[in-house]
Amino acid sequence: MTGTTSPKTVAIVSYITFIGWLISYLFLYPKQKDALGAFHLRQTLGLYLSGLVLSIVNRAFGPGLVWGVGSIVGVILFVFWLIGLVSAINGQLKPLPLVGEYFQRWFRNL
């Protein structure tokens, strides 16, 4: 065993909860810095932060006021998560629909 980590592994693990993202960013990515890993770390960070903002908004305004909108956005985030995971599994640098290019720009220093 060489002790290196596959860029695909970094990309895939980053989609397995925020803890997986932290493991990828702190432990796996430094061993194998690659465009694929960096790309998916940025995509998943954007997804996780979007989910956090959605959760805060839902709690701040009460479930009755924005429940429907929050549910729709939650489903959209889940679909984006699936699209990103499949892209990572296939080793593709495919940005998420609508938001992926923004995540790449906002987190370009990652």
C-alpha atoms as a PDB file:
ATOM      1  CA  MET A   1       0.000   0.000   0.000  1.00  0.00           C
ATOM      2  CA  THR A   2       1.440   3.349  -1.035  1.00  0.00           C
ATOM      3  CA  GLY A   3      -0.393   5.555   1.451  1.00  0.00           C
ATOM      4  CA  THR A   4      -1.944   7.743  -1.237  1.00  0.00           C
ATOM      5  CA  THR A   5      -5.621   8.405  -1.575  1.00  0.00           C
ATOM      6  CA  SER A   6      -7.506   8.277  -4.844  1.00  0.00           C
ATOM      7  CA  PRO A   7      -9.021  11.598  -5.931  1.00  0.00           C
ATOM      8  CA  LYS A   8     -12.232   9.672  -6.550  1.00  0.00           C
ATOM      9  CA  THR A   9     -12.231   8.571  -2.902  1.00  0.00           C
ATOM     10  CA  VAL A  10     -11.862  12.170  -1.735  1.00  0.00           C
ATOM     11  CA  ALA A  11     -14.752  13.197  -3.979  1.00  0.00           C
ATOM     12  CA  ILE A  12     -17.091  10.376  -2.919  1.00  0.00           C
ATOM     13  CA  VAL A  13     -16.396  10.574   0.832  1.00  0.00           C
ATOM     14  CA  SER A  14     -17.108  14.330   0.770  1.00  0.00           C
ATOM     15  CA  TYR A  15     -20.755  13.525  -0.083  1.00  0.00           C
ATOM     16  CA  ILE A  16     -21.213  11.230   2.927  1.00  0.00           C
ATOM     17  CA  THR A  17     -22.515  13.779   5.453  1.00  0.00           C
ATOM     18  CA  PHE A  18     -20.651  16.835   6.688  1.00  0.00           C
ATOM     19  CA  ILE A  19     -18.424  14.545   8.770  1.00  0.00           C
ATOM     20  CA  GLY A  20     -17.374  12.825   5.546  1.00  0.00           C
ATOM     21  CA  TRP A  21     -16.627  16.238   4.069  1.00  0.00           C
ATOM     22  CA  LEU A  22     -14.414  17.071   7.048  1.00  0.00           C
ATOM     23  CA  ILE A  23     -12.591  13.738   6.757  1.00  0.00           C
ATOM     24  CA  SER A  24     -12.031  14.324   3.043  1.00  0.00           C
ATOM     25  CA  TYR A  25     -10.847  17.901   3.523  1.00  0.00           C
ATOM     26  CA  LEU A  26      -8.652  17.397   6.584  1.00  0.00           C
ATOM     27  CA  PHE A  27      -7.220  13.908   6.092  1.00  0.00           C
ATOM     28  CA  LEU A  28      -7.720  12.572   2.561  1.00  0.00           C
ATOM     29  CA  TYR A  29      -7.345  15.607   0.295  1.00  0.00           C
ATOM     30  CA  PRO A  30      -3.966  16.747   1.703  1.00  0.00           C
ATOM     31  CA  LYS A  31      -2.509  13.340   0.733  1.00  0.00           C
ATOM     32  CA  GLN A  32      -3.782  13.561  -2.859  1.00  0.00           C
ATOM     33  CA  LYS A  33      -4.429  17.126  -3.987  1.00  0.00           C
ATOM     34  CA  ASP A  34      -6.229  16.829  -7.280  1.00  0.00           C
ATOM     35  CA  ALA A  35      -8.725  18.828  -9.342  1.00  0.00           C
ATOM     36  CA  LEU A  36     -11.432  16.159  -8.911  1.00  0.00           C
ATOM     37  CA  GLY A  37     -11.228  16.162  -5.124  1.00  0.00           C
ATOM     38  CA  ALA A  38     -11.099  19.956  -4.902  1.00  0.00           C
ATOM     39  CA  PHE A  39     -14.029  20.305  -7.302  1.00  0.00           C
ATOM     40  CA  HIS A  40     -16.295  18.013  -5.294  1.00  0.00           C
ATOM     41  CA  LEU A  41     -15.191  19.458  -1.955  1.00  0.00           C
ATOM     42  CA  ARG A  42     -16.421  22.846  -3.222  1.00  0.00           C
ATOM     43  CA  GLN A  43     -19.681  21.382  -4.531  1.00  0.00           C
ATOM     44  CA  THR A  44     -20.507  19.586  -1.294  1.00  0.00           C
ATOM     45  CA  LEU A  45     -19.524  22.530   0.899  1.00  0.00           C
ATOM     46  CA  GLY A  46     -22.008  24.639  -1.053  1.00  0.00           C
ATOM     47  CA  LEU A  47     -24.710  22.010  -0.627  1.00  0.00           C
ATOM     48  CA  TYR A  48     -24.111  21.645   3.103  1.00  0.00           C
ATOM     49  CA  LEU A  49     -24.088  25.401   3.670  1.00  0.00           C
ATOM     50  CA  SER A  50     -27.280  25.755   1.614  1.00  0.00           C
ATOM     51  CA  GLY A  51     -28.921  23.096   3.766  1.00  0.00           C
ATOM     52  CA  LEU A  52     -27.778  24.872   6.916  1.00  0.00           C
ATOM     53  CA  VAL A  53     -29.224  28.194   5.716  1.00  0.00           C
ATOM     54  CA  LEU A  54     -32.493  26.463   4.800  1.00  0.00           C
ATOM     55  CA  SER A  55     -32.665  24.910   8.266  1.00  0.00           C
ATOM     56  CA  ILE A  56     -32.016  28.252   9.983  1.00  0.00           C
ATOM     57  CA  VAL A  57     -34.662  30.011   7.875  1.00  0.00           C
ATOM     58  CA  ASN A  58     -37.204  27.278   8.618  1.00  0.00           C
ATOM     59  CA  ARG A  59     -36.568  27.545  12.351  1.00  0.00           C
ATOM     60  CA  ALA A  60     -36.549  31.357  12.372  1.00  0.00           C
ATOM     61  CA  PHE A  61     -39.858  31.788  10.569  1.00  0.00           C
ATOM     62  CA  GLY A  62     -41.631  28.777  11.972  1.00  0.00           C
ATOM     63  CA  PRO A  63     -42.562  25.625  10.150  1.00  0.00           C
ATOM     64  CA  GLY A  64     -46.013  26.880   9.132  1.00  0.00           C
ATOM     65  CA  LEU A  65     -44.841  29.918   7.195  1.00  0.00           C
ATOM     66  CA  VAL A  66     -42.184  28.456   4.937  1.00  0.00           C
ATOM     67  CA  TRP A  67     -42.785  24.734   5.334  1.00  0.00           C
ATOM     68  CA  GLY A  68     -43.868  24.194   1.731  1.00  0.00           C
ATOM     69  CA  VAL A  69     -41.055  26.221   0.212  1.00  0.00           C
ATOM     70  CA  GLY A  70     -38.532  24.688   2.609  1.00  0.00           C
ATOM     71  CA  SER A  71     -39.679  21.197   1.682  1.00  0.00           C
ATOM     72  CA  ILE A  72     -39.374  21.894  -2.031  1.00  0.00           C
ATOM     73  CA  VAL A  73     -35.904  23.401  -1.613  1.00  0.00           C
ATOM     74  CA  GLY A  74     -34.937  20.455   0.598  1.00  0.00           C
ATOM     75  CA  VAL A  75     -35.952  17.992  -2.115  1.00  0.00           C
ATOM     76  CA  ILE A  76     -34.033  20.035  -4.702  1.00  0.00           C
ATOM     77  CA  LEU A  77     -30.920  19.987  -2.490  1.00  0.00           C
ATOM     78  CA  PHE A  78     -31.272  16.217  -2.107  1.00  0.00           C
ATOM     79  CA  VAL A  79     -31.550  15.776  -5.890  1.00  0.00           C
ATOM     80  CA  PHE A  80     -28.472  18.007  -6.352  1.00  0.00           C
ATOM     81  CA  TRP A  81     -26.661  15.878  -3.759  1.00  0.00           C
ATOM     82  CA  LEU A  82     -27.506  12.720  -5.747  1.00  0.00           C
ATOM     83  CA  ILE A  83     -26.356  14.328  -9.010  1.00  0.00           C
ATOM     84  CA  GLY A  84     -23.089  15.354  -7.369  1.00  0.00           C
ATOM     85  CA  LEU A  85     -22.522  11.916  -5.854  1.00  0.00           C
ATOM     86  CA  VAL A  86     -23.061  10.196  -9.196  1.00  0.00           C
ATOM     87  CA  SER A  87     -20.680  12.687 -10.807  1.00  0.00           C
ATOM     88  CA  ALA A  88     -18.052  11.913  -8.147  1.00  0.00           C
ATOM     89  CA  ILE A  89     -18.501   8.154  -8.575  1.00  0.00           C
ATOM     90  CA  ASN A  90     -18.009   8.570 -12.326  1.00  0.00           C
ATOM     91  CA  GLY A  91     -14.963  10.791 -11.809  1.00  0.00           C
ATOM     92  CA  GLN A  92     -16.589  13.739 -13.591  1.00  0.00           C
ATOM     93  CA  LEU A  93     -16.116  17.468 -13.020  1.00  0.00           C
ATOM     94  CA  LYS A  94     -19.795  18.195 -13.683  1.00  0.00           C
ATOM     95  CA  PRO A  95     -21.135  21.219 -11.770  1.00  0.00           C
ATOM     96  CA  LEU A  96     -24.478  20.974 -10.048  1.00  0.00           C
ATOM     97  CA  PRO A  97     -27.406  22.513 -11.932  1.00  0.00           C
ATOM     98  CA  LEU A  98     -28.047  26.221 -11.234  1.00  0.00           C
ATOM     99  CA  VAL A  99     -25.640  26.536  -8.286  1.00  0.00           C
ATOM    100  CA  GLY A 100     -22.535  24.515  -9.098  1.00  0.00           C
ATOM    101  CA  GLU A 101     -20.679  27.261 -10.942  1.00  0.00           C
ATOM    102  CA  TYR A 102     -21.348  29.651  -8.044  1.00  0.00           C
ATOM    103  CA  PHE A 103     -19.981  27.127  -5.535  1.00  0.00           C
ATOM    104  CA  GLN A 104     -16.837  26.784  -7.638  1.00  0.00           C
ATOM    105  CA  ARG A 105     -16.314  30.565  -7.651  1.00  0.00           C
ATOM    106  CA  TRP A 106     -17.263  31.219  -4.019  1.00  0.00           C
ATOM    107  CA  PHE A 107     -15.034  28.467  -2.636  1.00  0.00           C
ATOM    108  CA  ARG A 108     -12.206  28.652  -5.208  1.00  0.00           C
ATOM    109  CA  ASN A 109      -9.560  29.037  -2.462  1.00  0.00           C
ATOM    110  CA  LEU A 110     -10.513  25.694  -0.945  1.00  0.00           C
END
